[in-house]
N, C-alpha and C. Protein backbone atom coordinates (compact mmCIF):
# COMPACT_ATOMS: atom_id res chain seq x y z
N MET A 1 143.42 -97.59 70.01
CA MET A 1 143.43 -98.51 68.91
C MET A 1 142.48 -98.42 67.66
N LYS A 2 143.16 -98.46 66.32
CA LYS A 2 142.55 -98.17 65.23
C LYS A 2 141.99 -99.11 64.55
N LYS A 3 140.54 -99.23 64.30
CA LYS A 3 139.86 -100.52 63.58
C LYS A 3 140.12 -100.51 62.27
N SER A 4 140.26 -101.64 61.40
CA SER A 4 140.46 -101.66 59.99
C SER A 4 139.19 -101.72 59.55
N THR A 5 138.92 -100.97 58.38
CA THR A 5 137.49 -101.18 57.93
C THR A 5 137.42 -101.77 56.33
N LEU A 6 138.95 -102.02 55.93
CA LEU A 6 139.08 -103.09 54.91
C LEU A 6 138.21 -104.30 54.89
N ILE A 7 138.32 -105.05 55.79
CA ILE A 7 137.67 -106.63 55.89
C ILE A 7 136.03 -106.27 55.83
N PRO A 8 135.43 -105.40 56.77
CA PRO A 8 134.11 -105.29 56.59
C PRO A 8 133.45 -104.76 55.28
N VAL A 9 134.34 -103.88 54.61
CA VAL A 9 133.82 -103.52 53.19
C VAL A 9 133.86 -104.50 52.18
N LEU A 10 135.14 -105.11 52.39
CA LEU A 10 134.95 -106.41 51.44
C LEU A 10 133.90 -107.30 51.60
N ALA A 11 133.67 -107.83 52.91
CA ALA A 11 132.82 -108.62 53.16
C ALA A 11 131.17 -108.18 52.48
N CYS A 12 131.01 -106.89 52.78
CA CYS A 12 129.59 -106.34 52.39
C CYS A 12 129.82 -106.48 51.03
N SER A 13 130.77 -106.11 50.22
CA SER A 13 130.51 -105.99 48.62
C SER A 13 130.54 -107.52 48.29
N VAL A 14 131.01 -108.43 48.77
CA VAL A 14 130.94 -109.95 48.24
C VAL A 14 129.36 -110.24 48.49
N ILE A 15 128.86 -110.01 49.70
CA ILE A 15 127.72 -110.25 50.08
C ILE A 15 126.57 -109.74 49.08
N MET A 16 126.70 -108.41 48.71
CA MET A 16 126.11 -107.88 47.73
C MET A 16 126.26 -108.17 46.31
N LEU A 17 127.13 -108.65 45.97
CA LEU A 17 127.62 -109.43 44.76
C LEU A 17 126.59 -110.64 44.71
N PHE A 18 126.68 -111.71 45.59
CA PHE A 18 126.05 -112.85 45.58
C PHE A 18 124.44 -112.73 45.64
N SER A 19 124.03 -111.58 46.43
CA SER A 19 122.55 -111.44 46.66
C SER A 19 121.95 -110.79 45.28
N LEU A 20 122.70 -110.05 44.56
CA LEU A 20 122.25 -109.73 43.27
C LEU A 20 122.08 -110.85 42.17
N ASN A 21 123.05 -111.76 42.27
CA ASN A 21 122.78 -112.83 41.50
C ASN A 21 121.66 -113.65 41.63
N LEU A 22 121.39 -113.95 43.08
CA LEU A 22 120.33 -114.67 43.45
C LEU A 22 119.02 -114.15 43.13
N SER A 23 118.76 -113.08 43.19
CA SER A 23 117.44 -112.43 42.91
C SER A 23 117.20 -111.80 41.27
N ALA A 24 118.20 -112.53 40.51
CA ALA A 24 118.07 -112.23 39.27
C ALA A 24 116.90 -113.00 38.54
N GLN A 25 116.31 -112.31 37.69
CA GLN A 25 114.94 -113.01 37.21
C GLN A 25 115.48 -114.07 36.14
N ASN A 26 114.54 -114.95 36.05
CA ASN A 26 115.15 -116.16 34.93
C ASN A 26 114.01 -115.93 33.83
N PHE A 27 114.45 -115.41 32.69
CA PHE A 27 113.45 -115.24 31.54
C PHE A 27 113.78 -116.44 30.40
N SER A 28 112.40 -116.94 30.13
CA SER A 28 112.81 -117.95 29.19
C SER A 28 113.22 -117.20 27.80
N ASP A 29 113.62 -118.54 26.80
CA ASP A 29 114.01 -118.23 25.58
C ASP A 29 113.22 -117.36 25.01
N LEU A 30 113.60 -116.34 23.84
CA LEU A 30 112.76 -115.74 23.03
C LEU A 30 111.87 -116.71 22.31
N ASP A 31 110.66 -116.01 21.78
CA ASP A 31 109.55 -117.04 20.99
C ASP A 31 110.10 -116.95 19.77
N LYS A 32 110.31 -118.40 19.26
CA LYS A 32 110.80 -118.25 17.49
C LYS A 32 109.71 -117.56 16.69
N SER A 33 108.69 -117.73 17.15
CA SER A 33 107.26 -116.65 15.95
C SER A 33 106.99 -115.47 16.87
N PRO A 34 107.86 -114.51 17.17
CA PRO A 34 107.32 -113.24 17.78
C PRO A 34 105.95 -112.65 17.28
N MET A 35 105.50 -111.98 18.38
CA MET A 35 104.43 -111.36 18.01
C MET A 35 104.50 -109.91 17.29
N ASP A 36 103.65 -109.58 16.30
CA ASP A 36 103.96 -108.18 15.72
C ASP A 36 102.53 -107.46 15.54
N VAL A 37 102.30 -106.36 15.27
CA VAL A 37 101.21 -105.64 15.08
C VAL A 37 101.40 -104.59 13.66
N ALA A 38 100.38 -104.77 13.01
CA ALA A 38 100.18 -103.88 12.02
C ALA A 38 99.02 -103.28 12.07
N ALA A 39 98.85 -102.02 11.68
CA ALA A 39 97.83 -100.93 11.73
C ALA A 39 97.57 -100.05 10.54
N PHE A 40 96.42 -99.85 10.64
CA PHE A 40 96.19 -98.57 9.36
C PHE A 40 95.26 -97.55 10.21
N PRO A 41 95.73 -96.27 9.58
CA PRO A 41 96.89 -96.06 9.09
C PRO A 41 98.36 -96.34 9.50
N SER A 42 99.17 -96.55 8.78
CA SER A 42 100.32 -97.28 9.01
C SER A 42 101.56 -96.38 9.96
N SER A 43 101.44 -95.10 9.46
CA SER A 43 102.37 -93.98 10.12
C SER A 43 102.00 -94.01 11.57
N TYR A 44 103.31 -94.04 12.42
CA TYR A 44 103.41 -93.91 13.83
C TYR A 44 102.97 -92.35 14.20
N LYS A 45 102.93 -91.55 13.26
CA LYS A 45 102.32 -90.21 13.51
C LYS A 45 101.01 -89.97 13.75
N GLU A 46 100.18 -91.09 13.14
CA GLU A 46 98.68 -91.08 13.28
C GLU A 46 98.37 -92.17 14.46
N SER A 47 97.71 -91.39 15.43
CA SER A 47 97.28 -92.09 16.78
C SER A 47 95.70 -92.54 16.34
N ASN A 48 95.37 -92.12 15.60
CA ASN A 48 93.98 -92.51 15.41
C ASN A 48 93.55 -93.64 14.45
N LYS A 49 93.95 -94.66 14.93
CA LYS A 49 93.92 -95.86 13.97
C LYS A 49 92.67 -96.42 13.55
N GLN A 50 92.23 -96.87 12.47
CA GLN A 50 91.01 -97.48 12.14
C GLN A 50 91.02 -99.08 12.02
N VAL A 51 92.04 -99.82 11.84
CA VAL A 51 92.35 -101.03 12.13
C VAL A 51 93.48 -101.45 12.73
N LYS A 52 93.54 -102.68 13.53
CA LYS A 52 94.94 -103.17 13.99
C LYS A 52 94.95 -104.81 14.04
N VAL A 53 95.84 -105.18 13.55
CA VAL A 53 95.92 -106.48 13.73
C VAL A 53 97.02 -107.02 14.58
N ILE A 54 97.07 -108.01 15.23
CA ILE A 54 97.97 -108.60 16.26
C ILE A 54 98.04 -110.04 15.79
N TYR A 55 99.69 -110.28 15.57
CA TYR A 55 99.81 -111.49 14.90
C TYR A 55 101.20 -112.14 15.24
N SER A 56 101.41 -113.31 15.19
CA SER A 56 102.68 -114.15 15.21
C SER A 56 103.28 -114.22 14.02
N ARG A 57 104.57 -114.24 14.05
CA ARG A 57 105.25 -114.29 12.68
C ARG A 57 106.19 -115.44 12.48
N PRO A 58 105.76 -116.64 12.12
CA PRO A 58 106.49 -117.99 11.81
C PRO A 58 107.51 -117.62 10.87
N GLN A 59 108.57 -118.40 10.82
CA GLN A 59 109.57 -118.40 10.13
C GLN A 59 109.64 -119.56 9.27
N LEU A 60 109.91 -119.23 7.72
CA LEU A 60 110.13 -120.41 6.81
C LEU A 60 111.46 -121.54 7.29
N LYS A 61 112.23 -120.82 7.62
CA LYS A 61 113.45 -121.92 7.89
C LYS A 61 113.71 -123.07 7.36
N GLY A 62 113.79 -122.87 5.71
CA GLY A 62 114.00 -124.18 4.96
C GLY A 62 112.71 -124.62 4.70
N ARG A 63 111.48 -124.50 5.14
CA ARG A 63 110.23 -125.29 4.95
C ARG A 63 109.80 -124.78 3.83
N ASP A 64 108.46 -125.30 3.57
CA ASP A 64 107.67 -124.93 2.17
C ASP A 64 106.27 -124.60 2.74
N VAL A 65 106.12 -123.36 2.20
CA VAL A 65 104.97 -122.63 2.71
C VAL A 65 103.56 -123.52 2.50
N LYS A 66 103.64 -124.36 1.31
CA LYS A 66 102.47 -125.40 1.34
C LYS A 66 102.15 -126.07 2.38
N THR A 67 103.64 -126.59 3.05
CA THR A 67 103.41 -127.57 4.19
C THR A 67 103.00 -127.15 5.40
N LEU A 68 103.44 -125.57 5.44
CA LEU A 68 102.96 -124.90 6.78
C LEU A 68 101.52 -124.62 6.65
N THR A 69 101.13 -124.25 5.24
CA THR A 69 99.60 -123.56 5.22
C THR A 69 98.72 -124.76 4.10
N PRO A 70 98.61 -125.96 4.52
CA PRO A 70 97.87 -126.95 3.78
C PRO A 70 96.57 -126.52 2.96
N ASN A 71 96.61 -126.52 1.83
CA ASN A 71 95.32 -126.25 1.17
C ASN A 71 93.91 -126.94 1.69
N GLY A 72 92.85 -126.11 1.79
CA GLY A 72 91.83 -126.44 2.08
C GLY A 72 91.51 -126.56 3.55
N LYS A 73 92.61 -126.20 4.43
CA LYS A 73 92.46 -126.67 6.07
C LYS A 73 92.47 -125.17 6.53
N VAL A 74 91.57 -124.94 7.81
CA VAL A 74 91.70 -123.74 8.33
C VAL A 74 93.03 -123.46 8.88
N TRP A 75 93.63 -122.42 8.78
CA TRP A 75 94.97 -122.19 9.22
C TRP A 75 94.91 -120.74 10.25
N ARG A 76 95.62 -120.67 11.25
CA ARG A 76 95.59 -119.59 12.23
C ARG A 76 95.99 -118.17 11.80
N THR A 77 96.43 -118.24 10.51
CA THR A 77 97.03 -117.25 9.79
C THR A 77 98.24 -116.66 10.67
N GLY A 78 99.34 -117.23 10.73
CA GLY A 78 100.52 -117.02 11.54
C GLY A 78 100.72 -118.29 12.49
N ALA A 79 101.56 -117.88 13.80
CA ALA A 79 101.93 -118.99 14.79
C ALA A 79 100.82 -118.50 16.11
N ASN A 80 101.29 -119.61 17.11
CA ASN A 80 100.71 -119.43 18.21
C ASN A 80 99.00 -118.99 18.38
N GLU A 81 98.90 -118.17 18.99
CA GLU A 81 97.68 -117.90 19.05
C GLU A 81 97.00 -117.37 17.58
N ALA A 82 95.52 -117.43 17.47
CA ALA A 82 94.86 -117.06 16.17
C ALA A 82 95.12 -115.42 16.05
N VAL A 83 95.00 -114.81 14.97
CA VAL A 83 95.15 -113.48 14.77
C VAL A 83 94.21 -112.79 15.42
N GLU A 84 94.25 -111.55 15.71
CA GLU A 84 93.08 -110.85 16.28
C GLU A 84 93.11 -109.56 15.61
N ILE A 85 92.09 -109.18 14.76
CA ILE A 85 91.87 -107.96 14.15
C ILE A 85 90.74 -107.15 14.88
N THR A 86 91.26 -105.90 15.34
CA THR A 86 90.25 -104.81 15.74
C THR A 86 89.81 -103.75 14.63
N PHE A 87 88.60 -103.48 14.51
CA PHE A 87 88.30 -102.68 13.70
C PHE A 87 87.51 -101.44 14.67
N TYR A 88 87.98 -100.16 14.62
CA TYR A 88 87.68 -99.36 15.46
C TYR A 88 86.45 -98.64 14.92
N GLN A 89 85.83 -98.79 13.65
CA GLN A 89 84.81 -98.19 13.15
C GLN A 89 84.44 -99.13 12.15
N ASP A 90 83.07 -99.08 11.86
CA ASP A 90 82.37 -100.24 10.97
C ASP A 90 83.21 -99.99 9.65
N LYS A 91 83.24 -101.21 9.01
CA LYS A 91 84.15 -101.27 7.93
C LYS A 91 83.62 -102.38 6.89
N MET A 92 83.99 -102.37 5.52
CA MET A 92 83.70 -103.39 4.64
C MET A 92 85.02 -104.03 4.55
N PHE A 93 84.81 -105.37 4.74
CA PHE A 93 85.92 -106.45 4.70
C PHE A 93 85.67 -107.24 3.48
N GLY A 94 86.41 -106.76 2.49
CA GLY A 94 86.01 -107.46 1.28
C GLY A 94 84.79 -106.79 0.62
N ASP A 95 83.71 -107.70 0.54
CA ASP A 95 82.51 -107.17 0.35
C ASP A 95 81.36 -107.54 1.34
N LYS A 96 82.00 -107.52 2.59
CA LYS A 96 81.01 -107.69 3.77
C LYS A 96 81.23 -106.64 4.56
N GLN A 97 80.03 -106.53 4.96
CA GLN A 97 80.23 -105.26 6.11
C GLN A 97 80.49 -105.70 7.43
N VAL A 98 81.28 -105.09 8.17
CA VAL A 98 81.67 -105.62 9.56
C VAL A 98 81.60 -104.84 10.51
N LYS A 99 80.98 -104.90 11.74
CA LYS A 99 80.95 -103.95 12.76
C LYS A 99 82.26 -103.60 13.43
N ALA A 100 82.52 -102.42 14.12
CA ALA A 100 83.54 -102.05 14.91
C ALA A 100 83.57 -103.17 15.88
N GLY A 101 84.64 -103.80 16.25
CA GLY A 101 85.10 -104.52 17.42
C GLY A 101 86.05 -105.42 17.16
N THR A 102 86.51 -106.53 17.90
CA THR A 102 87.63 -107.13 17.92
C THR A 102 87.34 -108.80 17.45
N TYR A 103 87.96 -109.17 16.51
CA TYR A 103 87.62 -110.66 15.88
C TYR A 103 88.99 -111.47 15.53
N SER A 104 88.55 -112.65 15.84
CA SER A 104 90.02 -113.65 15.54
C SER A 104 89.88 -113.72 13.92
N MET A 105 91.01 -113.83 13.14
CA MET A 105 91.21 -114.33 11.76
C MET A 105 91.62 -115.30 11.32
N PHE A 106 90.94 -116.15 10.71
CA PHE A 106 91.60 -117.33 9.97
C PHE A 106 91.72 -117.29 8.57
N THR A 107 92.46 -118.38 7.96
CA THR A 107 92.46 -118.45 6.45
C THR A 107 92.31 -119.88 6.18
N ILE A 108 91.84 -120.06 4.80
CA ILE A 108 91.65 -121.47 4.20
C ILE A 108 92.56 -121.02 2.96
N PRO A 109 93.64 -121.78 3.06
CA PRO A 109 94.74 -121.46 1.73
C PRO A 109 94.25 -122.40 0.68
N ASN A 110 94.49 -122.02 -0.49
CA ASN A 110 94.51 -122.70 -1.86
C ASN A 110 95.61 -122.17 -2.68
N ASP A 111 95.70 -122.88 -3.89
CA ASP A 111 96.66 -122.53 -4.82
C ASP A 111 96.34 -121.08 -5.38
N LYS A 112 95.04 -121.06 -5.90
CA LYS A 112 94.92 -119.65 -6.77
C LYS A 112 93.91 -118.64 -5.60
N GLU A 113 93.47 -119.03 -4.59
CA GLU A 113 92.80 -118.00 -3.57
C GLU A 113 92.81 -118.58 -2.21
N TRP A 114 92.50 -117.46 -1.57
CA TRP A 114 92.52 -117.87 0.19
C TRP A 114 90.91 -117.39 0.38
N THR A 115 90.43 -117.98 1.54
CA THR A 115 89.27 -117.84 2.00
C THR A 115 89.80 -117.01 3.42
N VAL A 116 89.40 -115.70 3.73
CA VAL A 116 89.88 -114.92 4.93
C VAL A 116 88.50 -114.79 5.67
N ILE A 117 88.62 -115.22 6.95
CA ILE A 117 87.50 -115.54 7.82
C ILE A 117 87.76 -114.55 9.12
N LEU A 118 86.83 -113.86 9.44
CA LEU A 118 86.73 -113.08 10.67
C LEU A 118 85.56 -114.11 11.54
N ASN A 119 86.17 -114.16 12.94
CA ASN A 119 85.30 -115.08 13.79
C ASN A 119 84.82 -114.45 15.21
N SER A 120 84.02 -114.47 15.89
CA SER A 120 83.75 -113.84 17.07
C SER A 120 84.30 -114.31 18.00
N ASP A 121 84.93 -115.60 18.01
CA ASP A 121 85.70 -116.30 19.23
C ASP A 121 87.15 -115.73 19.37
N LEU A 122 87.46 -115.37 20.60
CA LEU A 122 88.49 -114.61 21.02
C LEU A 122 89.58 -115.30 21.94
N ASN A 123 90.60 -115.10 21.84
CA ASN A 123 91.66 -115.91 22.82
C ASN A 123 91.77 -117.14 22.79
N VAL A 124 91.90 -117.40 21.37
CA VAL A 124 92.04 -118.80 20.77
C VAL A 124 93.45 -119.12 20.37
N TRP A 125 93.87 -120.27 20.57
CA TRP A 125 95.24 -120.93 20.52
C TRP A 125 95.18 -121.80 18.84
N GLY A 126 95.91 -121.22 18.02
CA GLY A 126 95.68 -121.76 16.52
C GLY A 126 94.48 -122.02 16.30
N ALA A 127 94.20 -123.14 15.63
CA ALA A 127 92.89 -123.10 14.79
C ALA A 127 92.26 -124.31 15.18
N TYR A 128 92.55 -124.67 16.70
CA TYR A 128 92.18 -126.16 16.99
C TYR A 128 90.84 -126.21 17.50
N SER A 129 90.43 -124.93 18.06
CA SER A 129 88.90 -124.81 18.19
C SER A 129 88.13 -123.71 17.47
N TYR A 130 88.53 -123.73 16.39
CA TYR A 130 87.67 -122.93 15.40
C TYR A 130 86.56 -123.40 15.24
N ASN A 131 85.51 -122.55 15.15
CA ASN A 131 83.93 -122.99 15.39
C ASN A 131 83.45 -122.19 14.01
N GLU A 132 82.91 -122.77 13.02
CA GLU A 132 82.65 -122.19 11.80
C GLU A 132 81.17 -121.39 12.06
N ALA A 133 80.58 -121.79 13.14
CA ALA A 133 79.41 -121.20 13.57
C ALA A 133 79.55 -119.81 14.14
N ASN A 134 80.45 -119.56 14.71
CA ASN A 134 80.80 -118.14 14.79
C ASN A 134 81.44 -117.05 13.82
N ASP A 135 81.46 -117.50 12.46
CA ASP A 135 82.25 -116.91 11.56
C ASP A 135 81.01 -115.45 11.44
N VAL A 136 82.00 -114.52 11.32
CA VAL A 136 81.28 -113.14 11.09
C VAL A 136 81.19 -112.67 9.54
N ALA A 137 82.12 -112.88 9.03
CA ALA A 137 82.41 -112.68 7.64
C ALA A 137 83.48 -113.92 7.22
N LYS A 138 83.27 -113.88 5.73
CA LYS A 138 84.20 -115.00 5.10
C LYS A 138 84.32 -114.18 3.57
N VAL A 139 85.55 -114.02 2.87
CA VAL A 139 86.05 -113.55 2.08
C VAL A 139 86.94 -114.23 1.20
N THR A 140 86.77 -114.39 -0.04
CA THR A 140 87.64 -114.99 -1.04
C THR A 140 88.39 -114.34 -1.82
N VAL A 141 89.67 -114.21 -1.77
CA VAL A 141 90.74 -113.30 -2.25
C VAL A 141 91.70 -114.09 -3.10
N PRO A 142 92.15 -113.40 -4.24
CA PRO A 142 93.19 -114.20 -5.12
C PRO A 142 94.41 -114.24 -4.65
N VAL A 143 95.43 -115.33 -4.88
CA VAL A 143 96.66 -115.18 -4.68
C VAL A 143 97.55 -114.97 -5.61
N SER A 144 98.56 -113.83 -5.31
CA SER A 144 99.56 -113.44 -6.31
C SER A 144 100.80 -113.84 -5.89
N GLU A 145 101.82 -113.66 -6.78
CA GLU A 145 103.32 -113.89 -6.58
C GLU A 145 104.08 -112.76 -6.33
N GLY A 146 104.79 -112.66 -5.40
CA GLY A 146 105.65 -111.22 -4.84
C GLY A 146 107.13 -111.73 -5.82
N LYS A 147 107.92 -110.64 -5.84
CA LYS A 147 109.55 -110.72 -6.43
C LYS A 147 110.23 -110.97 -5.22
N GLU A 148 109.93 -110.47 -4.14
CA GLU A 148 111.09 -110.93 -3.17
C GLU A 148 110.34 -111.93 -2.14
N THR A 149 111.34 -112.67 -1.46
CA THR A 149 110.85 -113.72 -0.59
C THR A 149 110.90 -113.04 0.90
N LEU A 150 109.80 -113.51 1.49
CA LEU A 150 109.74 -113.12 3.01
C LEU A 150 109.96 -114.38 3.69
N GLU A 151 110.79 -114.35 4.70
CA GLU A 151 111.28 -115.36 5.66
C GLU A 151 110.34 -115.50 6.71
N ALA A 152 109.77 -114.50 7.12
CA ALA A 152 108.85 -114.28 8.05
C ALA A 152 107.54 -114.00 7.58
N PHE A 153 106.35 -114.88 7.77
CA PHE A 153 105.11 -114.43 7.62
C PHE A 153 104.74 -112.82 8.02
N SER A 154 103.97 -112.10 7.14
CA SER A 154 103.89 -110.74 7.44
C SER A 154 102.74 -110.22 6.93
N ILE A 155 102.17 -109.19 7.72
CA ILE A 155 100.89 -108.36 7.46
C ILE A 155 101.39 -107.18 7.46
N ALA A 156 100.77 -106.42 6.47
CA ALA A 156 100.98 -104.67 6.26
C ALA A 156 99.84 -104.32 5.79
N PHE A 157 99.63 -102.94 5.67
CA PHE A 157 98.45 -102.02 5.08
C PHE A 157 98.90 -101.19 4.16
N ASP A 158 98.36 -100.96 3.12
CA ASP A 158 98.95 -99.87 2.23
C ASP A 158 98.19 -98.67 2.37
N ASP A 159 98.47 -97.60 1.78
CA ASP A 159 97.77 -96.22 2.02
C ASP A 159 96.31 -96.06 2.01
N LYS A 160 95.62 -97.19 1.51
CA LYS A 160 94.14 -96.96 1.16
C LYS A 160 93.44 -98.07 2.06
N GLY A 161 94.38 -98.74 2.90
CA GLY A 161 93.85 -99.52 3.93
C GLY A 161 93.56 -100.97 3.49
N ASN A 162 94.05 -101.41 2.38
CA ASN A 162 94.03 -102.66 2.00
C ASN A 162 94.98 -103.51 3.01
N MET A 163 94.62 -104.63 3.51
CA MET A 163 95.64 -105.58 4.15
C MET A 163 96.28 -106.43 3.05
N HIS A 164 97.62 -106.47 3.32
CA HIS A 164 98.35 -107.29 2.67
C HIS A 164 98.91 -108.60 3.43
N MET A 165 98.99 -109.77 3.05
CA MET A 165 99.55 -110.97 3.82
C MET A 165 100.77 -111.64 2.92
N GLY A 166 101.57 -111.80 3.44
CA GLY A 166 102.68 -112.26 2.68
C GLY A 166 103.76 -113.27 3.23
N TRP A 167 104.14 -114.56 2.62
CA TRP A 167 105.15 -115.32 3.07
C TRP A 167 105.69 -115.98 1.96
N ASP A 168 107.13 -116.01 1.89
CA ASP A 168 107.66 -116.64 0.88
C ASP A 168 107.58 -115.57 -0.37
N THR A 169 107.27 -116.05 -1.68
CA THR A 169 106.74 -115.25 -2.55
C THR A 169 105.27 -115.15 -2.79
N LEU A 170 104.46 -115.89 -1.67
CA LEU A 170 102.94 -115.77 -1.86
C LEU A 170 102.32 -114.53 -1.27
N ARG A 171 101.50 -113.88 -1.96
CA ARG A 171 100.92 -112.61 -1.39
C ARG A 171 99.35 -112.54 -1.66
N VAL A 172 98.66 -112.25 -0.52
CA VAL A 172 97.08 -112.00 -0.45
C VAL A 172 96.92 -110.59 -0.02
N THR A 173 95.79 -110.04 -0.84
CA THR A 173 95.25 -108.81 -0.52
C THR A 173 93.94 -108.76 0.00
N VAL A 174 93.59 -108.17 1.17
CA VAL A 174 92.17 -108.47 1.42
C VAL A 174 91.79 -106.44 1.33
N PRO A 175 90.84 -106.33 0.51
CA PRO A 175 90.22 -105.12 0.70
C PRO A 175 89.45 -104.74 1.82
N ILE A 176 89.53 -103.45 2.42
CA ILE A 176 89.14 -103.08 3.60
C ILE A 176 88.97 -101.36 3.50
N LYS A 177 87.90 -101.08 3.34
CA LYS A 177 87.07 -99.83 3.25
C LYS A 177 86.37 -99.41 4.40
């Protein structure tokens, strides 16, 4: 007497199909303000970085930059966690000498200039627990206007190592040497 193998094969296939669905991971929705990294030198071919910035990129989504970055108030410089900036060697941050290390970065926006702050506190969410007593350096830089609109807040470095921040048509440059 010959046994049929069709039924056991089908049963095994159905069980495997359902067990794969049961063990699938549930991933949360993507963050609306994804993290990004900017580094100097910017080229991916250069692995010997001097500065690296990790930040989140909030989107305008029809909102006004002035509402999102109120004048005279400490801002986390992006979204979610405060920006972390790592200097792999001692640097001049604007006109302030900064030792190699990792710092949080905050800004105080104003119409004509921004104050950019390096702070020794790390793993900070937003600017809620910002502590001025732990500031390492404060630099005031002028605000300019760009020709193109940036939907997402962005940080980039030029070939000289200057750090550029932009959002909408707002531009701020911090000299780093």
